[in-house]
Amino acid sequence: MKFGIFLTAVVFISANLFISCSSTTSYSRYKTAKKKTETESYSVRYGNKKKPKKNVYKNPVSKESKDVVAVKDFQKKLGKIKKLNGALTNREKLLFEIVKYLDTPYKYGGQSKKGIDCSAFTQQVYKKSLGVELPRTAREQYKVGKKVSELKFGDLVYFDTQKGVFPGHVGIYLGDSLFAHASSVQGVTITPLNNKYFKKRFVGARRITSIDNH
């Protein structure tokens, strides 16, 4: 009788220990790490988002992902233009270089089409299309060129997105209130400037060089 009670108690305790030790966060901690989401980018690099501190920005995933231009449609339109004969203008060179990177996955510190971050994207687009050398980081790129208030095609646009780093994000203005950038949610994509997340974090723009439209 005593042995039976003892055995029942052991089984009950073991079952509870197993349940309490089972991970309920294995998906978010491991599986999503391969996807490089905006949540991870902010939580891993700048603190635990479960207990946000003052001035730490909220997760922009839901807001940003709802407001992205149809990249495939954009590529098709430019693909038709590229088939036309004739020398490309600086504007077209920059634009076509941007198209080459569309849908490239985001990778912090990445500098290739296998994975790239925001400042590497702007750096490589300018170098490969116009031969213009830019610094590696968004912070350093913010010191280059001329500060402008009226945006034109090719201007670099900056956003205050990260605690302790200013600015934390950079993209290339395309006109029509759109900009191309390496998003940690979408990879290299095109997003409206009036996107709720980016609109309130926009800190300015700089013109690196005059880009002709002819």
N, C-alpha and C. Protein backbone atom coordinates (compact mmCIF):
# COMPACT_ATOMS: atom_id res chain seq x y z
N MET A 1 0.84 -1.22 0.00
CA MET A 1 0.00 0.00 0.00
C MET A 1 0.86 1.25 0.00
N LYS A 2 1.84 1.23 0.93
CA LYS A 2 2.74 2.38 0.98
C LYS A 2 3.53 2.54 -0.30
N PHE A 3 3.96 1.38 -0.86
CA PHE A 3 4.71 1.43 -2.12
C PHE A 3 3.86 2.01 -3.24
N GLY A 4 2.58 1.65 -3.27
CA GLY A 4 1.67 2.16 -4.30
C GLY A 4 1.49 3.65 -4.19
N ILE A 5 1.37 4.16 -2.97
CA ILE A 5 1.22 5.61 -2.76
C ILE A 5 2.48 6.34 -3.18
N PHE A 6 3.62 5.72 -2.80
CA PHE A 6 4.92 6.31 -3.18
C PHE A 6 5.09 6.39 -4.69
N LEU A 7 4.74 5.31 -5.40
CA LEU A 7 4.87 5.25 -6.86
C LEU A 7 3.97 6.29 -7.52
N THR A 8 2.75 6.44 -6.99
CA THR A 8 1.81 7.44 -7.54
C THR A 8 2.36 8.85 -7.38
N ALA A 9 2.97 9.14 -6.24
CA ALA A 9 3.54 10.46 -5.97
C ALA A 9 4.69 10.75 -6.92
N VAL A 10 5.54 9.75 -7.17
CA VAL A 10 6.69 9.93 -8.08
C VAL A 10 6.21 10.25 -9.48
N VAL A 11 5.21 9.52 -9.96
CA VAL A 11 4.67 9.74 -11.30
C VAL A 11 4.08 11.14 -11.41
N PHE A 12 3.35 11.58 -10.37
CA PHE A 12 2.72 12.90 -10.38
C PHE A 12 3.76 14.02 -10.42
N ILE A 13 4.80 13.89 -9.60
CA ILE A 13 5.87 14.92 -9.55
C ILE A 13 6.63 14.95 -10.86
N SER A 14 6.94 13.79 -11.43
CA SER A 14 7.69 13.72 -12.70
C SER A 14 6.91 14.38 -13.81
N ALA A 15 5.60 14.14 -13.84
CA ALA A 15 4.76 14.72 -14.89
C ALA A 15 4.77 16.23 -14.80
N ASN A 16 4.69 16.76 -13.57
CA ASN A 16 4.70 18.22 -13.39
C ASN A 16 6.02 18.83 -13.77
N LEU A 17 7.11 18.15 -13.43
CA LEU A 17 8.44 18.66 -13.80
C LEU A 17 8.59 18.70 -15.31
N PHE A 18 8.10 17.68 -16.00
CA PHE A 18 8.20 17.64 -17.46
C PHE A 18 7.44 18.79 -18.11
N ILE A 19 6.22 19.03 -17.58
CA ILE A 19 5.40 20.11 -18.13
C ILE A 19 6.04 21.46 -17.89
N SER A 20 6.55 21.69 -16.68
CA SER A 20 7.12 23.00 -16.35
C SER A 20 8.41 23.28 -17.09
N CYS A 21 9.14 22.25 -17.51
CA CYS A 21 10.41 22.43 -18.21
C CYS A 21 10.24 22.50 -19.71
N SER A 22 9.05 22.19 -20.21
CA SER A 22 8.83 22.24 -21.66
C SER A 22 8.89 23.68 -22.12
N SER A 23 9.66 23.93 -23.21
CA SER A 23 9.82 25.30 -23.71
C SER A 23 8.58 25.76 -24.46
N THR A 24 8.07 26.92 -24.07
CA THR A 24 6.92 27.51 -24.78
C THR A 24 7.37 28.58 -25.74
N THR A 25 8.67 28.82 -25.79
CA THR A 25 9.20 29.89 -26.64
C THR A 25 10.19 29.37 -27.66
N SER A 26 10.20 28.07 -27.89
CA SER A 26 11.18 27.52 -28.82
C SER A 26 10.99 28.06 -30.22
N TYR A 27 9.75 28.32 -30.62
CA TYR A 27 9.53 28.84 -31.97
C TYR A 27 10.12 30.24 -32.12
N SER A 28 9.80 31.11 -31.20
CA SER A 28 10.28 32.50 -31.32
C SER A 28 11.77 32.61 -31.10
N ARG A 29 12.33 31.73 -30.28
CA ARG A 29 13.76 31.86 -29.99
C ARG A 29 14.65 31.24 -31.04
N TYR A 30 14.16 30.18 -31.69
CA TYR A 30 15.03 29.47 -32.62
C TYR A 30 14.55 29.50 -34.06
N LYS A 31 13.27 29.14 -34.29
CA LYS A 31 12.81 29.10 -35.67
C LYS A 31 12.78 30.47 -36.30
N THR A 32 12.28 31.48 -35.59
CA THR A 32 12.21 32.81 -36.20
C THR A 32 13.57 33.47 -36.30
N ALA A 33 14.57 32.93 -35.62
CA ALA A 33 15.91 33.52 -35.72
C ALA A 33 16.44 33.42 -37.13
N LYS A 34 15.99 32.40 -37.88
CA LYS A 34 16.45 32.23 -39.24
C LYS A 34 15.81 33.22 -40.19
N LYS A 35 14.64 33.79 -39.74
CA LYS A 35 13.91 34.71 -40.60
C LYS A 35 14.36 36.16 -40.45
N LYS A 36 15.18 36.46 -39.43
CA LYS A 36 15.68 37.81 -39.23
C LYS A 36 14.56 38.84 -39.19
N THR A 37 13.62 38.63 -38.29
CA THR A 37 12.51 39.57 -38.23
C THR A 37 12.90 40.84 -37.53
N GLU A 38 12.05 41.87 -37.68
CA GLU A 38 12.31 43.15 -37.05
C GLU A 38 12.32 42.99 -35.53
N THR A 39 11.49 42.07 -35.02
CA THR A 39 11.43 41.85 -33.58
C THR A 39 12.78 41.41 -33.06
N GLU A 40 13.41 40.46 -33.74
CA GLU A 40 14.71 39.97 -33.29
C GLU A 40 15.76 41.04 -33.42
N SER A 41 15.70 41.77 -34.52
CA SER A 41 16.70 42.81 -34.74
C SER A 41 16.74 43.80 -33.60
N TYR A 42 15.56 44.11 -33.06
CA TYR A 42 15.50 45.08 -31.98
C TYR A 42 15.76 44.42 -30.63
N SER A 43 15.21 43.21 -30.40
CA SER A 43 15.33 42.60 -29.09
C SER A 43 16.73 42.07 -28.82
N VAL A 44 17.36 41.45 -29.84
CA VAL A 44 18.68 40.88 -29.65
C VAL A 44 19.75 41.95 -29.55
N ARG A 45 19.63 42.97 -30.38
CA ARG A 45 20.69 43.98 -30.45
C ARG A 45 20.50 45.10 -29.45
N TYR A 46 19.26 45.37 -29.06
CA TYR A 46 19.03 46.55 -28.23
C TYR A 46 18.20 46.30 -26.98
N GLY A 47 18.07 45.06 -26.56
CA GLY A 47 17.41 44.82 -25.28
C GLY A 47 16.17 43.95 -25.39
N ASN A 48 15.73 43.43 -24.27
CA ASN A 48 14.57 42.56 -24.21
C ASN A 48 13.29 43.35 -24.38
N LYS A 49 12.52 43.04 -25.44
CA LYS A 49 11.32 43.81 -25.74
C LYS A 49 10.15 43.41 -24.84
N LYS A 50 10.30 42.33 -24.03
CA LYS A 50 9.21 41.95 -23.15
C LYS A 50 9.00 43.01 -22.06
N LYS A 51 10.10 43.67 -21.67
CA LYS A 51 10.03 44.72 -20.67
C LYS A 51 10.69 45.97 -21.23
N PRO A 52 10.03 46.64 -22.17
CA PRO A 52 10.63 47.80 -22.84
C PRO A 52 10.95 48.91 -21.87
N LYS A 53 12.11 49.49 -22.05
CA LYS A 53 12.52 50.62 -21.23
C LYS A 53 12.09 51.90 -21.91
N LYS A 54 12.23 52.98 -21.23
CA LYS A 54 11.84 54.27 -21.75
C LYS A 54 12.64 54.60 -23.00
N ASN A 55 11.97 55.13 -24.03
CA ASN A 55 12.58 55.54 -25.29
C ASN A 55 12.98 54.37 -26.18
N VAL A 56 12.63 53.14 -25.82
CA VAL A 56 12.89 52.01 -26.71
C VAL A 56 11.69 51.88 -27.63
N TYR A 57 11.92 51.87 -28.94
CA TYR A 57 10.82 51.86 -29.88
C TYR A 57 10.10 50.53 -29.93
N LYS A 58 8.82 50.60 -30.22
CA LYS A 58 8.01 49.40 -30.30
C LYS A 58 8.29 48.62 -31.57
N ASN A 59 7.92 47.36 -31.56
CA ASN A 59 8.11 46.48 -32.71
C ASN A 59 7.28 46.95 -33.91
N PRO A 60 7.93 47.22 -35.06
CA PRO A 60 7.23 47.77 -36.22
C PRO A 60 6.72 46.75 -37.22
N VAL A 61 6.82 45.47 -36.90
CA VAL A 61 6.50 44.43 -37.89
C VAL A 61 5.12 44.62 -38.50
N SER A 62 4.08 44.69 -37.68
CA SER A 62 2.72 44.75 -38.21
C SER A 62 2.48 46.02 -39.00
N LYS A 63 3.05 47.13 -38.57
CA LYS A 63 2.81 48.41 -39.23
C LYS A 63 3.56 48.49 -40.56
N GLU A 64 4.80 48.03 -40.57
CA GLU A 64 5.60 48.15 -41.78
C GLU A 64 5.17 47.16 -42.85
N SER A 65 4.91 45.93 -42.47
CA SER A 65 4.62 44.89 -43.45
C SER A 65 3.31 45.12 -44.20
N LYS A 66 2.41 45.92 -43.65
CA LYS A 66 1.14 46.19 -44.31
C LYS A 66 1.26 47.23 -45.41
N ASP A 67 2.37 47.93 -45.45
CA ASP A 67 2.45 49.11 -46.30
C ASP A 67 3.68 49.07 -47.20
N VAL A 68 3.79 48.03 -48.01
CA VAL A 68 4.94 47.86 -48.89
C VAL A 68 4.50 47.80 -50.34
N VAL A 69 5.24 48.46 -51.21
CA VAL A 69 4.90 48.49 -52.63
C VAL A 69 5.07 47.10 -53.25
N ALA A 70 4.26 46.79 -54.23
CA ALA A 70 4.36 45.50 -54.92
C ALA A 70 5.66 45.47 -55.72
N VAL A 71 6.65 44.82 -55.19
CA VAL A 71 7.99 44.80 -55.78
C VAL A 71 8.00 44.17 -57.16
N LYS A 72 7.27 43.08 -57.35
CA LYS A 72 7.28 42.39 -58.64
C LYS A 72 6.74 43.27 -59.77
N ASP A 73 5.69 44.03 -59.45
CA ASP A 73 5.12 44.94 -60.45
C ASP A 73 6.12 46.03 -60.81
N PHE A 74 6.82 46.51 -59.80
CA PHE A 74 7.84 47.53 -60.01
C PHE A 74 8.95 47.00 -60.91
N GLN A 75 9.38 45.78 -60.67
CA GLN A 75 10.44 45.16 -61.46
C GLN A 75 10.02 44.97 -62.92
N LYS A 76 8.78 44.58 -63.14
CA LYS A 76 8.30 44.35 -64.50
C LYS A 76 8.31 45.64 -65.33
N LYS A 77 7.86 46.73 -64.71
CA LYS A 77 7.82 48.01 -65.40
C LYS A 77 9.21 48.47 -65.79
N LEU A 78 10.15 48.34 -64.87
CA LEU A 78 11.52 48.77 -65.16
C LEU A 78 12.21 47.83 -66.15
N GLY A 79 11.80 46.55 -66.10
CA GLY A 79 12.38 45.58 -67.03
C GLY A 79 12.05 45.95 -68.47
N LYS A 80 10.85 46.47 -68.71
CA LYS A 80 10.45 46.88 -70.06
C LYS A 80 11.27 48.09 -70.53
N ILE A 81 11.52 49.02 -69.60
CA ILE A 81 12.31 50.21 -69.93
C ILE A 81 13.74 49.83 -70.28
N LYS A 82 14.29 48.87 -69.54
CA LYS A 82 15.68 48.49 -69.74
C LYS A 82 15.93 47.85 -71.10
N LYS A 83 14.89 47.27 -71.68
CA LYS A 83 15.03 46.61 -72.97
C LYS A 83 15.20 47.61 -74.11
N LEU A 84 14.82 48.85 -73.85
CA LEU A 84 14.96 49.88 -74.89
C LEU A 84 16.43 50.20 -75.12
N ASN A 85 16.78 50.46 -76.35
CA ASN A 85 18.17 50.79 -76.68
C ASN A 85 18.50 52.22 -76.25
N GLY A 86 19.77 52.48 -76.02
CA GLY A 86 20.20 53.82 -75.65
C GLY A 86 20.97 53.81 -74.34
N ALA A 87 21.82 54.81 -74.17
CA ALA A 87 22.62 54.92 -72.96
C ALA A 87 21.74 55.28 -71.77
N LEU A 88 22.07 54.73 -70.63
CA LEU A 88 21.30 55.01 -69.43
C LEU A 88 21.74 56.32 -68.78
N THR A 89 20.80 57.06 -68.26
CA THR A 89 21.13 58.26 -67.50
C THR A 89 21.55 57.84 -66.10
N ASN A 90 22.08 58.77 -65.34
CA ASN A 90 22.48 58.46 -63.96
C ASN A 90 21.28 58.00 -63.14
N ARG A 91 20.16 58.62 -63.40
CA ARG A 91 18.94 58.24 -62.70
C ARG A 91 18.58 56.79 -62.99
N GLU A 92 18.64 56.41 -64.26
CA GLU A 92 18.31 55.03 -64.64
C GLU A 92 19.32 54.03 -64.10
N LYS A 93 20.59 54.42 -64.12
CA LYS A 93 21.64 53.54 -63.57
C LYS A 93 21.37 53.23 -62.10
N LEU A 94 21.05 54.27 -61.35
CA LEU A 94 20.78 54.09 -59.92
C LEU A 94 19.53 53.24 -59.71
N LEU A 95 18.52 53.51 -60.49
CA LEU A 95 17.26 52.79 -60.37
C LEU A 95 17.41 51.32 -60.70
N PHE A 96 18.11 51.02 -61.77
CA PHE A 96 18.28 49.62 -62.17
C PHE A 96 19.15 48.85 -61.18
N GLU A 97 20.09 49.55 -60.56
CA GLU A 97 20.92 48.89 -59.54
C GLU A 97 20.07 48.54 -58.32
N ILE A 98 19.16 49.44 -57.98
CA ILE A 98 18.24 49.17 -56.87
C ILE A 98 17.40 47.93 -57.17
N VAL A 99 16.90 47.85 -58.42
CA VAL A 99 16.05 46.72 -58.83
C VAL A 99 16.80 45.39 -58.67
N LYS A 100 18.09 45.39 -58.95
CA LYS A 100 18.89 44.16 -58.84
C LYS A 100 18.87 43.61 -57.41
N TYR A 101 18.73 44.50 -56.44
CA TYR A 101 18.78 44.08 -55.04
C TYR A 101 17.40 43.79 -54.43
N LEU A 102 16.34 44.14 -55.13
CA LEU A 102 15.00 43.91 -54.58
C LEU A 102 14.79 42.45 -54.21
N ASP A 103 14.21 42.24 -53.05
CA ASP A 103 13.93 40.91 -52.49
C ASP A 103 15.17 40.23 -51.91
N THR A 104 16.32 40.92 -51.91
CA THR A 104 17.49 40.37 -51.23
C THR A 104 17.18 40.28 -49.74
N PRO A 105 17.44 39.15 -49.10
CA PRO A 105 17.12 39.03 -47.67
C PRO A 105 17.97 39.96 -46.81
N TYR A 106 17.40 40.36 -45.68
CA TYR A 106 18.13 41.22 -44.74
C TYR A 106 19.11 40.38 -43.91
N LYS A 107 20.30 40.92 -43.72
CA LYS A 107 21.27 40.28 -42.83
C LYS A 107 22.10 41.37 -42.19
N TYR A 108 22.05 41.45 -40.88
CA TYR A 108 22.83 42.47 -40.17
C TYR A 108 24.32 42.25 -40.43
N GLY A 109 24.97 43.26 -40.98
CA GLY A 109 26.38 43.14 -41.31
C GLY A 109 26.63 42.56 -42.70
N GLY A 110 25.56 42.12 -43.37
CA GLY A 110 25.70 41.52 -44.70
C GLY A 110 26.01 42.55 -45.77
N GLN A 111 26.75 42.13 -46.79
CA GLN A 111 27.15 43.05 -47.85
C GLN A 111 27.04 42.43 -49.24
N SER A 112 26.16 41.44 -49.38
CA SER A 112 26.02 40.79 -50.68
C SER A 112 24.55 40.48 -50.93
N LYS A 113 24.27 39.91 -52.10
CA LYS A 113 22.89 39.59 -52.45
C LYS A 113 22.39 38.34 -51.72
N LYS A 114 23.26 37.73 -50.95
CA LYS A 114 22.84 36.63 -50.10
C LYS A 114 22.24 37.16 -48.80
N GLY A 115 22.54 38.41 -48.51
CA GLY A 115 22.05 39.04 -47.29
C GLY A 115 22.73 40.39 -47.12
N ILE A 116 21.94 41.43 -46.81
CA ILE A 116 22.50 42.78 -46.76
C ILE A 116 21.75 43.63 -45.74
N ASP A 117 22.43 44.61 -45.14
CA ASP A 117 21.74 45.51 -44.23
C ASP A 117 21.54 46.87 -44.91
N CYS A 118 20.89 47.80 -44.21
CA CYS A 118 20.45 49.04 -44.86
C CYS A 118 21.59 49.90 -45.39
N SER A 119 22.64 50.08 -44.59
CA SER A 119 23.73 50.97 -45.01
C SER A 119 24.61 50.33 -46.09
N ALA A 120 24.72 49.00 -46.06
CA ALA A 120 25.48 48.32 -47.11
C ALA A 120 24.72 48.41 -48.43
N PHE A 121 23.41 48.36 -48.35
CA PHE A 121 22.57 48.48 -49.55
C PHE A 121 22.79 49.85 -50.21
N THR A 122 22.67 50.93 -49.46
CA THR A 122 22.86 52.26 -50.03
C THR A 122 24.29 52.45 -50.53
N GLN A 123 25.24 51.91 -49.78
CA GLN A 123 26.64 52.03 -50.16
C GLN A 123 26.92 51.35 -51.49
N GLN A 124 26.43 50.12 -51.65
CA GLN A 124 26.72 49.36 -52.86
C GLN A 124 25.96 49.86 -54.07
N VAL A 125 24.74 50.32 -53.87
CA VAL A 125 23.96 50.85 -54.99
C VAL A 125 24.66 52.08 -55.56
N TYR A 126 25.10 52.98 -54.71
CA TYR A 126 25.78 54.19 -55.19
C TYR A 126 27.12 53.86 -55.84
N LYS A 127 27.85 52.92 -55.27
CA LYS A 127 29.17 52.58 -55.82
C LYS A 127 29.05 51.89 -57.18
N LYS A 128 28.15 50.92 -57.29
CA LYS A 128 28.04 50.14 -58.52
C LYS A 128 27.35 50.88 -59.65
N SER A 129 26.46 51.82 -59.31
CA SER A 129 25.74 52.53 -60.36
C SER A 129 26.43 53.82 -60.79
N LEU A 130 26.95 54.57 -59.83
CA LEU A 130 27.53 55.88 -60.14
C LEU A 130 29.00 56.02 -59.77
N GLY A 131 29.56 54.98 -59.16
CA GLY A 131 30.97 55.05 -58.78
C GLY A 131 31.21 55.96 -57.59
N VAL A 132 30.16 56.23 -56.81
CA VAL A 132 30.26 57.11 -55.65
C VAL A 132 30.51 56.28 -54.40
N GLU A 133 31.57 56.62 -53.67
CA GLU A 133 31.92 55.89 -52.45
C GLU A 133 31.19 56.50 -51.25
N LEU A 134 30.52 55.65 -50.49
CA LEU A 134 29.86 56.08 -49.26
C LEU A 134 30.45 55.32 -48.08
N PRO A 135 30.41 55.92 -46.89
CA PRO A 135 30.87 55.21 -45.68
C PRO A 135 30.01 53.98 -45.45
N ARG A 136 30.45 53.11 -44.57
CA ARG A 136 29.77 51.83 -44.36
C ARG A 136 28.51 51.92 -43.51
N THR A 137 28.47 52.84 -42.54
CA THR A 137 27.33 52.86 -41.62
C THR A 137 26.37 54.01 -41.90
N ALA A 138 25.13 53.87 -41.45
CA ALA A 138 24.14 54.93 -41.61
C ALA A 138 24.58 56.19 -40.87
N ARG A 139 25.20 56.01 -39.72
CA ARG A 139 25.66 57.15 -38.92
C ARG A 139 26.70 57.97 -39.69
N GLU A 140 27.61 57.28 -40.35
CA GLU A 140 28.66 57.97 -41.12
C GLU A 140 28.10 58.54 -42.41
N GLN A 141 27.17 57.84 -43.02
CA GLN A 141 26.56 58.35 -44.26
C GLN A 141 25.76 59.62 -44.01
N TYR A 142 25.27 59.77 -42.78
CA TYR A 142 24.49 60.94 -42.42
C TYR A 142 25.35 62.22 -42.40
N LYS A 143 26.65 62.04 -42.39
CA LYS A 143 27.57 63.18 -42.37
C LYS A 143 28.01 63.59 -43.77
N VAL A 144 27.64 62.80 -44.77
CA VAL A 144 28.09 63.02 -46.15
C VAL A 144 27.03 63.77 -46.95
N GLY A 145 27.47 64.57 -47.91
CA GLY A 145 26.54 65.25 -48.79
C GLY A 145 25.94 66.50 -48.18
N LYS A 146 24.87 66.97 -48.80
CA LYS A 146 24.22 68.21 -48.40
C LYS A 146 22.84 67.92 -47.81
N LYS A 147 22.55 68.54 -46.67
CA LYS A 147 21.25 68.38 -46.05
C LYS A 147 20.19 69.07 -46.90
N VAL A 148 19.07 68.39 -47.15
CA VAL A 148 18.01 68.96 -47.99
C VAL A 148 16.65 68.82 -47.29
N SER A 149 15.76 69.74 -47.62
CA SER A 149 14.41 69.69 -47.06
C SER A 149 13.38 69.24 -48.09
N GLU A 150 13.68 69.50 -49.37
CA GLU A 150 12.81 69.04 -50.45
C GLU A 150 13.45 67.84 -51.13
N LEU A 151 12.80 66.71 -51.03
CA LEU A 151 13.37 65.46 -51.51
C LEU A 151 13.34 65.34 -53.03
N LYS A 152 14.44 64.78 -53.57
CA LYS A 152 14.54 64.45 -54.99
C LYS A 152 15.04 63.03 -55.12
N PHE A 153 14.83 62.48 -56.31
CA PHE A 153 15.26 61.11 -56.57
C PHE A 153 16.74 60.92 -56.22
N GLY A 154 17.04 59.85 -55.51
CA GLY A 154 18.43 59.54 -55.17
C GLY A 154 18.89 60.05 -53.82
N ASP A 155 18.12 60.93 -53.19
CA ASP A 155 18.50 61.43 -51.87
C ASP A 155 18.48 60.28 -50.86
N LEU A 156 19.40 60.33 -49.92
CA LEU A 156 19.40 59.35 -48.84
C LEU A 156 18.46 59.85 -47.75
N VAL A 157 17.58 58.99 -47.29
CA VAL A 157 16.62 59.36 -46.25
C VAL A 157 16.95 58.57 -44.98
N TYR A 158 16.84 59.24 -43.84
CA TYR A 158 17.30 58.66 -42.57
C TYR A 158 16.18 58.60 -41.54
N PHE A 159 16.29 57.59 -40.66
CA PHE A 159 15.27 57.36 -39.65
C PHE A 159 15.90 57.00 -38.30
N ASP A 160 15.28 57.52 -37.25
CA ASP A 160 15.75 57.24 -35.89
C ASP A 160 15.02 56.00 -35.39
N THR A 161 15.60 54.84 -35.60
CA THR A 161 14.91 53.57 -35.31
C THR A 161 15.55 52.76 -34.20
N GLN A 162 16.74 53.14 -33.75
CA GLN A 162 17.45 52.30 -32.79
C GLN A 162 17.97 53.10 -31.61
N LYS A 163 17.81 52.58 -30.44
CA LYS A 163 18.31 53.23 -29.25
C LYS A 163 19.83 53.20 -29.26
N GLY A 164 20.44 54.34 -29.04
CA GLY A 164 21.89 54.40 -28.95
C GLY A 164 22.60 54.56 -30.29
N VAL A 165 21.86 54.53 -31.39
CA VAL A 165 22.45 54.69 -32.72
C VAL A 165 21.64 55.72 -33.49
N PHE A 166 22.29 56.78 -33.94
CA PHE A 166 21.56 57.83 -34.67
C PHE A 166 22.32 58.25 -35.92
N PRO A 167 21.64 58.21 -37.07
CA PRO A 167 20.35 57.54 -37.28
C PRO A 167 20.53 56.03 -37.36
N GLY A 168 19.45 55.31 -37.15
CA GLY A 168 19.56 53.86 -37.14
C GLY A 168 19.21 53.19 -38.45
N HIS A 169 18.67 53.95 -39.40
CA HIS A 169 18.23 53.34 -40.65
C HIS A 169 18.36 54.34 -41.80
N VAL A 170 18.69 53.82 -43.00
CA VAL A 170 18.86 54.68 -44.17
C VAL A 170 18.28 53.99 -45.40
N GLY A 171 17.75 54.81 -46.32
CA GLY A 171 17.22 54.28 -47.57
C GLY A 171 17.44 55.29 -48.69
N ILE A 172 16.97 54.97 -49.89
CA ILE A 172 17.15 55.84 -51.05
C ILE A 172 15.78 56.30 -51.55
N TYR A 173 15.61 57.61 -51.64
CA TYR A 173 14.33 58.17 -52.07
C TYR A 173 14.14 57.97 -53.57
N LEU A 174 12.93 57.51 -53.97
CA LEU A 174 12.65 57.20 -55.37
C LEU A 174 11.70 58.19 -56.03
N GLY A 175 11.11 59.07 -55.25
CA GLY A 175 10.07 59.94 -55.79
C GLY A 175 8.70 59.37 -55.44
N ASP A 176 7.65 60.19 -55.61
CA ASP A 176 6.29 59.76 -55.31
C ASP A 176 6.14 59.26 -53.87
N SER A 177 6.93 59.84 -52.96
CA SER A 177 6.89 59.49 -51.53
C SER A 177 7.23 58.03 -51.27
N LEU A 178 8.11 57.46 -52.09
CA LEU A 178 8.56 56.08 -51.91
C LEU A 178 10.07 56.06 -51.67
N PHE A 179 10.52 55.07 -50.90
CA PHE A 179 11.97 54.91 -50.74
C PHE A 179 12.33 53.42 -50.73
N ALA A 180 13.52 53.12 -51.24
CA ALA A 180 14.02 51.74 -51.27
C ALA A 180 14.97 51.57 -50.09
N HIS A 181 14.88 50.42 -49.46
CA HIS A 181 15.74 50.19 -48.28
C HIS A 181 15.80 48.70 -47.97
N ALA A 182 16.77 48.33 -47.14
CA ALA A 182 16.89 46.95 -46.68
C ALA A 182 16.18 46.84 -45.34
N SER A 183 14.97 46.34 -45.38
CA SER A 183 14.16 46.18 -44.17
C SER A 183 14.45 44.82 -43.54
N SER A 184 14.56 44.80 -42.22
CA SER A 184 14.82 43.53 -41.55
C SER A 184 13.56 42.66 -41.52
N VAL A 185 12.44 43.19 -41.97
CA VAL A 185 11.21 42.40 -42.11
C VAL A 185 11.08 41.86 -43.53
N GLN A 186 11.21 42.76 -44.52
CA GLN A 186 10.95 42.42 -45.91
C GLN A 186 12.20 42.15 -46.74
N GLY A 187 13.38 42.45 -46.20
CA GLY A 187 14.57 42.44 -47.03
C GLY A 187 14.57 43.72 -47.84
N VAL A 188 15.26 43.75 -48.96
CA VAL A 188 15.29 44.97 -49.78
C VAL A 188 13.94 45.15 -50.45
N THR A 189 13.32 46.28 -50.19
CA THR A 189 11.96 46.50 -50.67
C THR A 189 11.72 47.99 -50.87
N ILE A 190 10.50 48.33 -51.25
CA ILE A 190 10.11 49.73 -51.46
C ILE A 190 8.94 50.03 -50.54
N THR A 191 9.05 51.12 -49.79
CA THR A 191 8.05 51.46 -48.78
C THR A 191 7.65 52.93 -48.89
N PRO A 192 6.40 53.26 -48.67
CA PRO A 192 5.97 54.66 -48.68
C PRO A 192 6.56 55.42 -47.49
N LEU A 193 6.93 56.65 -47.69
CA LEU A 193 7.45 57.47 -46.60
C LEU A 193 6.37 57.77 -45.57
N ASN A 194 5.11 57.72 -45.98
CA ASN A 194 4.04 58.00 -45.03
C ASN A 194 3.61 56.75 -44.27
N ASN A 195 4.37 55.66 -44.40
CA ASN A 195 4.18 54.49 -43.55
C ASN A 195 4.21 54.97 -42.10
N LYS A 196 3.24 54.56 -41.31
CA LYS A 196 3.09 55.09 -39.95
C LYS A 196 4.36 54.95 -39.12
N TYR A 197 5.02 53.80 -39.25
CA TYR A 197 6.24 53.56 -38.47
C TYR A 197 7.37 54.50 -38.88
N PHE A 198 7.60 54.59 -40.20
CA PHE A 198 8.72 55.40 -40.67
C PHE A 198 8.44 56.91 -40.64
N LYS A 199 7.21 57.28 -40.85
CA LYS A 199 6.86 58.71 -40.88
C LYS A 199 7.24 59.41 -39.58
N LYS A 200 6.94 58.79 -38.45
CA LYS A 200 7.22 59.45 -37.17
C LYS A 200 8.69 59.31 -36.74
N ARG A 201 9.47 58.54 -37.51
CA ARG A 201 10.89 58.38 -37.18
C ARG A 201 11.83 59.02 -38.21
N PHE A 202 11.23 59.65 -39.21
CA PHE A 202 12.03 60.33 -40.24
C PHE A 202 12.79 61.50 -39.61
N VAL A 203 14.11 61.56 -39.85
CA VAL A 203 14.92 62.62 -39.23
C VAL A 203 15.60 63.54 -40.25
N GLY A 204 15.48 63.22 -41.54
CA GLY A 204 16.07 64.09 -42.53
C GLY A 204 16.61 63.37 -43.75
N ALA A 205 17.14 64.16 -44.68
CA ALA A 205 17.67 63.60 -45.93
C ALA A 205 18.92 64.36 -46.34
N ARG A 206 19.75 63.68 -47.10
CA ARG A 206 20.98 64.31 -47.61
C ARG A 206 21.16 63.96 -49.08
N ARG A 207 21.62 64.93 -49.85
CA ARG A 207 21.85 64.74 -51.27
C ARG A 207 23.34 64.49 -51.50
N ILE A 208 23.64 63.31 -51.99
CA ILE A 208 25.03 62.91 -52.19
C ILE A 208 25.60 63.51 -53.46
N THR A 209 24.81 63.47 -54.51
CA THR A 209 25.25 64.03 -55.79
C THR A 209 24.00 64.41 -56.60
N SER A 210 24.19 65.31 -57.54
CA SER A 210 23.07 65.72 -58.41
C SER A 210 22.86 64.65 -59.46
N ILE A 211 21.65 64.11 -59.52
CA ILE A 211 21.35 63.04 -60.47
C ILE A 211 20.44 63.59 -61.56
N ASP A 212 20.91 63.55 -62.81
CA ASP A 212 20.13 64.11 -63.90
C ASP A 212 18.93 63.25 -64.21
N ASN A 213 17.95 63.85 -64.81
CA ASN A 213 16.73 63.14 -65.17
C ASN A 213 16.61 62.93 -66.68
N HIS A 214 17.67 63.17 -67.41
CA HIS A 214 17.61 63.09 -68.86
C HIS A 214 18.48 61.95 -69.38
